[in-house]
Amino acid sequence: MGGDRDRLIEVMDTLDVATQVVVPQIHRLGEHAAVAERRELTVDGLAETHWVGVYGFEDGLVRRLEIFALDDFDAALAHYDELVAGAGTT
């Protein structure tokens, strides 16, 4: 993960794009995982993304993020259920 992650951060730091991040809804929230919508908008209004994320937590930090299209909401919930079942708790 390290090389790709580091390169992405490097590139994003060079971009001069102001964005606004909105979390319109948190659908599930547990000790080890969460399902939430995320919407990102450029301040100039030229770009927008809207997706559902399944977040995996470890030691109080987000250690995993899987992104699903809004149309794949049911798949995101099913994946959340798999994560919490594997962790033994919500």
PDB file of N, CA and C in Angstrom:
ATOM      1  N   MET A   1       0.823  -1.196   0.000  1.00  0.00           N
ATOM      2  CA  MET A   1       0.000   0.000   0.000  1.00  0.00           C
ATOM      3  C   MET A   1       0.867   1.260   0.000  1.00  0.00           C
ATOM      4  N   GLY A   2       1.990   1.256   0.684  1.00  0.00           N
ATOM      5  CA  GLY A   2       2.776   2.447   0.935  1.00  0.00           C
ATOM      6  C   GLY A   2       3.092   3.309  -0.264  1.00  0.00           C
ATOM      7  N   GLY A   3       3.641   2.715  -1.333  1.00  0.00           N
ATOM      8  CA  GLY A   3       4.054   3.512  -2.484  1.00  0.00           C
ATOM      9  C   GLY A   3       2.913   4.227  -3.160  1.00  0.00           C
ATOM     10  N   ASP A   4       1.812   3.535  -3.421  1.00  0.00           N
ATOM     11  CA  ASP A   4       0.660   4.152  -4.068  1.00  0.00           C
ATOM     12  C   ASP A   4       0.040   5.219  -3.190  1.00  0.00           C
ATOM     13  N   ARG A   5      -0.087   4.939  -1.917  1.00  0.00           N
ATOM     14  CA  ARG A   5      -0.665   5.890  -0.975  1.00  0.00           C
ATOM     15  C   ARG A   5       0.175   7.159  -0.915  1.00  0.00           C
ATOM     16  N   ASP A   6       1.479   6.978  -0.773  1.00  0.00           N
ATOM     17  CA  ASP A   6       2.370   8.125  -0.675  1.00  0.00           C
ATOM     18  C   ASP A   6       2.333   8.969  -1.945  1.00  0.00           C
ATOM     19  N   ARG A   7       2.285   8.313  -3.086  1.00  0.00           N
ATOM     20  CA  ARG A   7       2.240   9.043  -4.362  1.00  0.00           C
ATOM     21  C   ARG A   7       0.929   9.806  -4.495  1.00  0.00           C
ATOM     22  N   LEU A   8      -0.171   9.187  -4.099  1.00  0.00           N
ATOM     23  CA  LEU A   8      -1.464   9.866  -4.152  1.00  0.00           C
ATOM     24  C   LEU A   8      -1.463  11.109  -3.273  1.00  0.00           C
ATOM     25  N   ILE A   9      -0.958  10.992  -2.069  1.00  0.00           N
ATOM     26  CA  ILE A   9      -0.893  12.151  -1.169  1.00  0.00           C
ATOM     27  C   ILE A   9      -0.022  13.242  -1.775  1.00  0.00           C
ATOM     28  N   GLU A  10       1.088  12.861  -2.357  1.00  0.00           N
ATOM     29  CA  GLU A  10       1.994  13.821  -2.987  1.00  0.00           C
ATOM     30  C   GLU A  10       1.290  14.587  -4.107  1.00  0.00           C
ATOM     31  N   VAL A  11       0.580  13.868  -4.970  1.00  0.00           N
ATOM     32  CA  VAL A  11      -0.125  14.506  -6.085  1.00  0.00           C
ATOM     33  C   VAL A  11      -1.250  15.396  -5.570  1.00  0.00           C
ATOM     34  N   MET A  12      -2.012  14.904  -4.606  1.00  0.00           N
ATOM     35  CA  MET A  12      -3.135  15.696  -4.096  1.00  0.00           C
ATOM     36  C   MET A  12      -2.664  16.984  -3.435  1.00  0.00           C
ATOM     37  N   ASP A  13      -1.494  16.932  -2.788  1.00  0.00           N
ATOM     38  CA  ASP A  13      -0.950  18.132  -2.152  1.00  0.00           C
ATOM     39  C   ASP A  13      -0.592  19.210  -3.166  1.00  0.00           C
ATOM     40  N   THR A  14      -0.317  18.821  -4.419  1.00  0.00           N
ATOM     41  CA  THR A  14       0.063  19.805  -5.431  1.00  0.00           C
ATOM     42  C   THR A  14      -1.154  20.426  -6.121  1.00  0.00           C
ATOM     43  N   LEU A  15      -2.314  19.825  -5.957  1.00  0.00           N
ATOM     44  CA  LEU A  15      -3.511  20.351  -6.607  1.00  0.00           C
ATOM     45  C   LEU A  15      -4.016  21.576  -5.871  1.00  0.00           C
ATOM     46  N   ASP A  16      -4.452  22.539  -6.612  1.00  0.00           N
ATOM     47  CA  ASP A  16      -4.983  23.759  -6.021  1.00  0.00           C
ATOM     48  C   ASP A  16      -6.499  23.781  -6.226  1.00  0.00           C
ATOM     49  N   VAL A  17      -7.171  22.817  -5.623  1.00  0.00           N
ATOM     50  CA  VAL A  17      -8.620  22.702  -5.769  1.00  0.00           C
ATOM     51  C   VAL A  17      -9.234  22.697  -4.377  1.00  0.00           C
ATOM     52  N   ALA A  18     -10.079  23.661  -4.133  1.00  0.00           N
ATOM     53  CA  ALA A  18     -10.771  23.717  -2.850  1.00  0.00           C
ATOM     54  C   ALA A  18     -12.006  22.826  -2.933  1.00  0.00           C
ATOM     55  N   THR A  19     -12.145  21.936  -1.960  1.00  0.00           N
ATOM     56  CA  THR A  19     -13.295  21.039  -1.957  1.00  0.00           C
ATOM     57  C   THR A  19     -14.046  21.134  -0.646  1.00  0.00           C
ATOM     58  N   GLN A  20     -15.299  20.770  -0.738  1.00  0.00           N
ATOM     59  CA  GLN A  20     -16.160  20.699   0.429  1.00  0.00           C
ATOM     60  C   GLN A  20     -16.602  19.244   0.567  1.00  0.00           C
ATOM     61  N   VAL A  21     -16.443  18.681   1.745  1.00  0.00           N
ATOM     62  CA  VAL A  21     -16.836  17.295   1.993  1.00  0.00           C
ATOM     63  C   VAL A  21     -18.059  17.302   2.896  1.00  0.00           C
ATOM     64  N   VAL A  22     -19.074  16.549   2.488  1.00  0.00           N
ATOM     65  CA  VAL A  22     -20.315  16.446   3.248  1.00  0.00           C
ATOM     66  C   VAL A  22     -20.606  14.964   3.463  1.00  0.00           C
ATOM     67  N   VAL A  23     -21.011  14.614   4.662  1.00  0.00           N
ATOM     68  CA  VAL A  23     -21.469  13.257   4.954  1.00  0.00           C
ATOM     69  C   VAL A  23     -22.978  13.378   5.199  1.00  0.00           C
ATOM     70  N   PRO A  24     -23.773  13.160   4.122  1.00  0.00           N
ATOM     71  CA  PRO A  24     -25.211  13.377   4.249  1.00  0.00           C
ATOM     72  C   PRO A  24     -25.911  12.379   5.172  1.00  0.00           C
ATOM     73  N   GLN A  25     -25.352  11.156   5.267  1.00  0.00           N
ATOM     74  CA  GLN A  25     -26.011  10.182   6.121  1.00  0.00           C
ATOM     75  C   GLN A  25     -25.040   9.084   6.524  1.00  0.00           C
ATOM     76  N   ILE A  26     -25.108   8.697   7.799  1.00  0.00           N
ATOM     77  CA  ILE A  26     -24.396   7.536   8.305  1.00  0.00           C
ATOM     78  C   ILE A  26     -25.447   6.454   8.469  1.00  0.00           C
ATOM     79  N   HIS A  27     -25.312   5.383   7.704  1.00  0.00           N
ATOM     80  CA  HIS A  27     -26.335   4.340   7.680  1.00  0.00           C
ATOM     81  C   HIS A  27     -26.133   3.295   8.760  1.00  0.00           C
ATOM     82  N   ARG A  28     -24.886   2.966   9.036  1.00  0.00           N
ATOM     83  CA  ARG A  28     -24.559   2.003  10.089  1.00  0.00           C
ATOM     84  C   ARG A  28     -23.288   2.494  10.772  1.00  0.00           C
ATOM     85  N   LEU A  29     -23.239   2.299  12.082  1.00  0.00           N
ATOM     86  CA  LEU A  29     -22.049   2.697  12.829  1.00  0.00           C
ATOM     87  C   LEU A  29     -21.852   1.709  13.963  1.00  0.00           C
ATOM     88  N   GLY A  30     -20.703   1.058  13.972  1.00  0.00           N
ATOM     89  CA  GLY A  30     -20.376   0.109  15.018  1.00  0.00           C
ATOM     90  C   GLY A  30     -18.959   0.310  15.490  1.00  0.00           C
ATOM     91  N   GLU A  31     -18.554  -0.531  16.402  1.00  0.00           N
ATOM     92  CA  GLU A  31     -17.225  -0.431  16.981  1.00  0.00           C
ATOM     93  C   GLU A  31     -16.123  -0.714  15.953  1.00  0.00           C
ATOM     94  N   HIS A  32     -16.400  -1.623  15.012  1.00  0.00           N
ATOM     95  CA  HIS A  32     -15.373  -2.046  14.070  1.00  0.00           C
ATOM     96  C   HIS A  32     -15.613  -1.607  12.629  1.00  0.00           C
ATOM     97  N   ALA A  33     -16.791  -1.026  12.346  1.00  0.00           N
ATOM     98  CA  ALA A  33     -17.083  -0.662  10.955  1.00  0.00           C
ATOM     99  C   ALA A  33     -18.204   0.366  10.906  1.00  0.00           C
ATOM    100  N   ALA A  34     -18.330   0.992   9.730  1.00  0.00           N
ATOM    101  CA  ALA A  34     -19.400   1.961   9.499  1.00  0.00           C
ATOM    102  C   ALA A  34     -19.736   1.985   8.018  1.00  0.00           C
ATOM    103  N   VAL A  35     -20.946   2.405   7.715  1.00  0.00           N
ATOM    104  CA  VAL A  35     -21.379   2.644   6.335  1.00  0.00           C
ATOM    105  C   VAL A  35     -21.889   4.074   6.291  1.00  0.00           C
ATOM    106  N   ALA A  36     -21.308   4.878   5.420  1.00  0.00           N
ATOM    107  CA  ALA A  36     -21.705   6.280   5.326  1.00  0.00           C
ATOM    108  C   ALA A  36     -21.633   6.760   3.887  1.00  0.00           C
ATOM    109  N   GLU A  37     -22.537   7.658   3.548  1.00  0.00           N
ATOM    110  CA  GLU A  37     -22.451   8.342   2.253  1.00  0.00           C
ATOM    111  C   GLU A  37     -21.440   9.464   2.386  1.00  0.00           C
ATOM    112  N   ARG A  38     -20.793   9.769   1.289  1.00  0.00           N
ATOM    113  CA  ARG A  38     -19.851  10.889   1.265  1.00  0.00           C
ATOM    114  C   ARG A  38     -20.039  11.616  -0.056  1.00  0.00           C
ATOM    115  N   ARG A  39     -20.064  12.920   0.047  1.00  0.00           N
ATOM    116  CA  ARG A  39     -20.230  13.776  -1.128  1.00  0.00           C
ATOM    117  C   ARG A  39     -19.118  14.810  -1.108  1.00  0.00           C
ATOM    118  N   GLU A  40     -18.405  14.906  -2.189  1.00  0.00           N
ATOM    119  CA  GLU A  40     -17.334  15.894  -2.309  1.00  0.00           C
ATOM    120  C   GLU A  40     -17.660  16.820  -3.465  1.00  0.00           C
ATOM    121  N   LEU A  41     -17.518  18.111  -3.214  1.00  0.00           N
ATOM    122  CA  LEU A  41     -17.810  19.124  -4.227  1.00  0.00           C
ATOM    123  C   LEU A  41     -16.649  20.090  -4.308  1.00  0.00           C
ATOM    124  N   THR A  42     -16.266  20.455  -5.531  1.00  0.00           N
ATOM    125  CA  THR A  42     -15.286  21.525  -5.646  1.00  0.00           C
ATOM    126  C   THR A  42     -16.018  22.832  -5.385  1.00  0.00           C
ATOM    127  N   VAL A  43     -15.339  23.745  -4.754  1.00  0.00           N
ATOM    128  CA  VAL A  43     -15.967  25.016  -4.398  1.00  0.00           C
ATOM    129  C   VAL A  43     -16.456  25.754  -5.636  1.00  0.00           C
ATOM    130  N   ASP A  44     -15.763  25.577  -6.759  1.00  0.00           N
ATOM    131  CA  ASP A  44     -16.179  26.251  -7.988  1.00  0.00           C
ATOM    132  C   ASP A  44     -17.354  25.545  -8.672  1.00  0.00           C
ATOM    133  N   GLY A  45     -17.772  24.385  -8.146  1.00  0.00           N
ATOM    134  CA  GLY A  45     -18.926  23.678  -8.694  1.00  0.00           C
ATOM    135  C   GLY A  45     -18.654  22.860  -9.943  1.00  0.00           C
ATOM    136  N   LEU A  46     -17.398  22.716 -10.329  1.00  0.00           N
ATOM    137  CA  LEU A  46     -17.077  22.007 -11.568  1.00  0.00           C
ATOM    138  C   LEU A  46     -17.040  20.487 -11.418  1.00  0.00           C
ATOM    139  N   ALA A  47     -16.894  19.993 -10.197  1.00  0.00           N
ATOM    140  CA  ALA A  47     -16.809  18.543 -10.014  1.00  0.00           C
ATOM    141  C   ALA A  47     -17.535  18.126  -8.741  1.00  0.00           C
ATOM    142  N   GLU A  48     -18.101  16.919  -8.793  1.00  0.00           N
ATOM    143  CA  GLU A  48     -18.803  16.385  -7.635  1.00  0.00           C
ATOM    144  C   GLU A  48     -18.713  14.862  -7.660  1.00  0.00           C
ATOM    145  N   THR A  49     -18.503  14.276  -6.505  1.00  0.00           N
ATOM    146  CA  THR A  49     -18.594  12.828  -6.356  1.00  0.00           C
ATOM    147  C   THR A  49     -19.554  12.532  -5.211  1.00  0.00           C
ATOM    148  N   HIS A  50     -20.220  11.416  -5.300  1.00  0.00           N
ATOM    149  CA  HIS A  50     -21.167  10.999  -4.261  1.00  0.00           C
ATOM    150  C   HIS A  50     -21.137   9.479  -4.239  1.00  0.00           C
ATOM    151  N   TRP A  51     -20.754   8.914  -3.104  1.00  0.00           N
ATOM    152  CA  TRP A  51     -20.589   7.476  -3.019  1.00  0.00           C
ATOM    153  C   TRP A  51     -20.886   6.991  -1.610  1.00  0.00           C
ATOM    154  N   VAL A  52     -20.903   5.674  -1.467  1.00  0.00           N
ATOM    155  CA  VAL A  52     -21.103   5.048  -0.166  1.00  0.00           C
ATOM    156  C   VAL A  52     -19.788   4.377   0.214  1.00  0.00           C
ATOM    157  N   GLY A  53     -19.343   4.622   1.424  1.00  0.00           N
ATOM    158  CA  GLY A  53     -18.104   4.018   1.893  1.00  0.00           C
ATOM    159  C   GLY A  53     -18.355   3.052   3.031  1.00  0.00           C
ATOM    160  N   VAL A  54     -17.642   1.939   3.000  1.00  0.00           N
ATOM    161  CA  VAL A  54     -17.622   1.013   4.123  1.00  0.00           C
ATOM    162  C   VAL A  54     -16.266   1.192   4.786  1.00  0.00           C
ATOM    163  N   TYR A  55     -16.292   1.681   6.006  1.00  0.00           N
ATOM    164  CA  TYR A  55     -15.086   1.997   6.751  1.00  0.00           C
ATOM    165  C   TYR A  55     -14.809   0.892   7.756  1.00  0.00           C
ATOM    166  N   GLY A  56     -13.571   0.436   7.829  1.00  0.00           N
ATOM    167  CA  GLY A  56     -13.162  -0.537   8.838  1.00  0.00           C
ATOM    168  C   GLY A  56     -12.267   0.151   9.848  1.00  0.00           C
ATOM    169  N   PHE A  57     -12.566  -0.028  11.120  1.00  0.00           N
ATOM    170  CA  PHE A  57     -11.814   0.622  12.203  1.00  0.00           C
ATOM    171  C   PHE A  57     -10.918  -0.380  12.913  1.00  0.00           C
ATOM    172  N   GLU A  58      -9.765   0.106  13.313  1.00  0.00           N
ATOM    173  CA  GLU A  58      -8.847  -0.684  14.120  1.00  0.00           C
ATOM    174  C   GLU A  58      -8.086   0.284  15.013  1.00  0.00           C
ATOM    175  N   ASP A  59      -8.069   0.019  16.282  1.00  0.00           N
ATOM    176  CA  ASP A  59      -7.389   0.884  17.258  1.00  0.00           C
ATOM    177  C   ASP A  59      -7.886   2.327  17.177  1.00  0.00           C
ATOM    178  N   GLY A  60      -9.180   2.500  16.900  1.00  0.00           N
ATOM    179  CA  GLY A  60      -9.776   3.832  16.867  1.00  0.00           C
ATOM    180  C   GLY A  60      -9.502   4.630  15.604  1.00  0.00           C
ATOM    181  N   LEU A  61      -8.881   4.007  14.608  1.00  0.00           N
ATOM    182  CA  LEU A  61      -8.566   4.696  13.357  1.00  0.00           C
ATOM    183  C   LEU A  61      -9.201   3.975  12.179  1.00  0.00           C
ATOM    184  N   VAL A  62      -9.475   4.729  11.117  1.00  0.00           N
ATOM    185  CA  VAL A  62      -9.942   4.105   9.883  1.00  0.00           C
ATOM    186  C   VAL A  62      -8.738   3.410   9.251  1.00  0.00           C
ATOM    187  N   ARG A  63      -8.830   2.095   9.133  1.00  0.00           N
ATOM    188  CA  ARG A  63      -7.734   1.312   8.560  1.00  0.00           C
ATOM    189  C   ARG A  63      -8.091   0.754   7.193  1.00  0.00           C
ATOM    190  N   ARG A  64      -9.374   0.872   6.849  1.00  0.00           N
ATOM    191  CA  ARG A  64      -9.838   0.310   5.581  1.00  0.00           C
ATOM    192  C   ARG A  64     -11.009   1.146   5.093  1.00  0.00           C
ATOM    193  N   LEU A  65     -11.028   1.408   3.807  1.00  0.00           N
ATOM    194  CA  LEU A  65     -12.145   2.112   3.185  1.00  0.00           C
ATOM    195  C   LEU A  65     -12.414   1.471   1.843  1.00  0.00           C
ATOM    196  N   GLU A  66     -13.633   1.021   1.672  1.00  0.00           N
ATOM    197  CA  GLU A  66     -14.052   0.477   0.384  1.00  0.00           C
ATOM    198  C   GLU A  66     -15.193   1.338  -0.131  1.00  0.00           C
ATOM    199  N   ILE A  67     -15.080   1.742  -1.384  1.00  0.00           N
ATOM    200  CA  ILE A  67     -16.028   2.679  -1.980  1.00  0.00           C
ATOM    201  C   ILE A  67     -16.979   1.932  -2.901  1.00  0.00           C
ATOM    202  N   PHE A  68     -18.268   2.256  -2.757  1.00  0.00           N
ATOM    203  CA  PHE A  68     -19.315   1.659  -3.573  1.00  0.00           C
ATOM    204  C   PHE A  68     -20.108   2.774  -4.247  1.00  0.00           C
ATOM    205  N   ALA A  69     -20.548   2.517  -5.462  1.00  0.00           N
ATOM    206  CA  ALA A  69     -21.458   3.452  -6.134  1.00  0.00           C
ATOM    207  C   ALA A  69     -22.774   3.477  -5.367  1.00  0.00           C
ATOM    208  N   LEU A  70     -23.485   4.572  -5.455  1.00  0.00           N
ATOM    209  CA  LEU A  70     -24.776   4.671  -4.765  1.00  0.00           C
ATOM    210  C   LEU A  70     -25.718   3.536  -5.170  1.00  0.00           C
ATOM    211  N   ASP A  71     -25.634   3.114  -6.429  1.00  0.00           N
ATOM    212  CA  ASP A  71     -26.467   2.016  -6.915  1.00  0.00           C
ATOM    213  C   ASP A  71     -26.123   0.677  -6.256  1.00  0.00           C
ATOM    214  N   ASP A  72     -24.947   0.587  -5.653  1.00  0.00           N
ATOM    215  CA  ASP A  72     -24.502  -0.641  -5.003  1.00  0.00           C
ATOM    216  C   ASP A  72     -24.659  -0.577  -3.485  1.00  0.00           C
ATOM    217  N   PHE A  73     -25.626   0.210  -3.029  1.00  0.00           N
ATOM    218  CA  PHE A  73     -25.837   0.408  -1.596  1.00  0.00           C
ATOM    219  C   PHE A  73     -26.056  -0.921  -0.863  1.00  0.00           C
ATOM    220  N   ASP A  74     -26.859  -1.808  -1.436  1.00  0.00           N
ATOM    221  CA  ASP A  74     -27.126  -3.099  -0.793  1.00  0.00           C
ATOM    222  C   ASP A  74     -25.846  -3.919  -0.651  1.00  0.00           C
ATOM    223  N   ALA A  75     -24.972  -3.849  -1.631  1.00  0.00           N
ATOM    224  CA  ALA A  75     -23.695  -4.553  -1.553  1.00  0.00           C
ATOM    225  C   ALA A  75     -22.821  -3.963  -0.446  1.00  0.00           C
ATOM    226  N   ALA A  76     -22.877  -2.651  -0.279  1.00  0.00           N
ATOM    227  CA  ALA A  76     -22.113  -2.003   0.793  1.00  0.00           C
ATOM    228  C   ALA A  76     -22.607  -2.478   2.155  1.00  0.00           C
ATOM    229  N   LEU A  77     -23.922  -2.551   2.329  1.00  0.00           N
ATOM    230  CA  LEU A  77     -24.473  -3.036   3.600  1.00  0.00           C
ATOM    231  C   LEU A  77     -24.097  -4.492   3.846  1.00  0.00           C
ATOM    232  N   ALA A  78     -24.135  -5.305   2.808  1.00  0.00           N
ATOM    233  CA  ALA A  78     -23.759  -6.713   2.948  1.00  0.00           C
ATOM    234  C   ALA A  78     -22.291  -6.832   3.347  1.00  0.00           C
ATOM    235  N   HIS A  79     -21.447  -5.984   2.775  1.00  0.00           N
ATOM    236  CA  HIS A  79     -20.027  -6.014   3.120  1.00  0.00           C
ATOM    237  C   HIS A  79     -19.815  -5.576   4.568  1.00  0.00           C
ATOM    238  N   TYR A  80     -20.541  -4.575   5.002  1.00  0.00           N
ATOM    239  CA  TYR A  80     -20.492  -4.153   6.406  1.00  0.00           C
ATOM    240  C   TYR A  80     -20.835  -5.338   7.312  1.00  0.00           C
ATOM    241  N   ASP A  81     -21.914  -6.037   6.969  1.00  0.00           N
ATOM    242  CA  ASP A  81     -22.329  -7.185   7.774  1.00  0.00           C
ATOM    243  C   ASP A  81     -21.219  -8.237   7.843  1.00  0.00           C
ATOM    244  N   GLU A  82     -20.509  -8.453   6.738  1.00  0.00           N
ATOM    245  CA  GLU A  82     -19.395  -9.395   6.726  1.00  0.00           C
ATOM    246  C   GLU A  82     -18.262  -8.933   7.661  1.00  0.00           C
ATOM    247  N   LEU A  83     -17.961  -7.635   7.615  1.00  0.00           N
ATOM    248  CA  LEU A  83     -16.894  -7.114   8.459  1.00  0.00           C
ATOM    249  C   LEU A  83     -17.214  -7.255   9.936  1.00  0.00           C
ATOM    250  N   VAL A  84     -18.436  -6.898  10.314  1.00  0.00           N
ATOM    251  CA  VAL A  84     -18.760  -6.962  11.743  1.00  0.00           C
ATOM    252  C   VAL A  84     -18.917  -8.416  12.201  1.00  0.00           C
ATOM    253  N   ALA A  85     -19.369  -9.290  11.319  1.00  0.00           N
ATOM    254  CA  ALA A  85     -19.452 -10.709  11.678  1.00  0.00           C
ATOM    255  C   ALA A  85     -18.054 -11.277  11.914  1.00  0.00           C
ATOM    256  N   GLY A  86     -17.105 -10.866  11.083  1.00  0.00           N
ATOM    257  CA  GLY A  86     -15.733 -11.308  11.238  1.00  0.00           C
ATOM    258  C   GLY A  86     -15.078 -10.756  12.487  1.00  0.00           C
ATOM    259  N   ALA A  87     -15.532  -9.575  12.913  1.00  0.00           N
ATOM    260  CA  ALA A  87     -14.976  -8.964  14.126  1.00  0.00           C
ATOM    261  C   ALA A  87     -15.667  -9.498  15.375  1.00  0.00           C
ATOM    262  N   GLY A  88     -16.819 -10.150  15.196  1.00  0.00           N
ATOM    263  CA  GLY A  88     -17.526 -10.719  16.334  1.00  0.00           C
ATOM    264  C   GLY A  88     -18.416  -9.753  17.081  1.00  0.00           C
ATOM    265  N   THR A  89     -18.558  -8.513  16.555  1.00  0.00           N
ATOM    266  CA  THR A  89     -19.401  -7.508  17.215  1.00  0.00           C
ATOM    267  C   THR A  89     -19.727  -6.421  16.213  1.00  0.00           C
ATOM    268  N   THR A  90     -20.635  -5.526  16.549  1.00  0.00           N
ATOM    269  CA  THR A  90     -20.932  -4.379  15.691  1.00  0.00           C
ATOM    270  C   THR A  90     -20.032  -3.300  16.122  1.00  0.00           C
TER     271      THR A  90
END
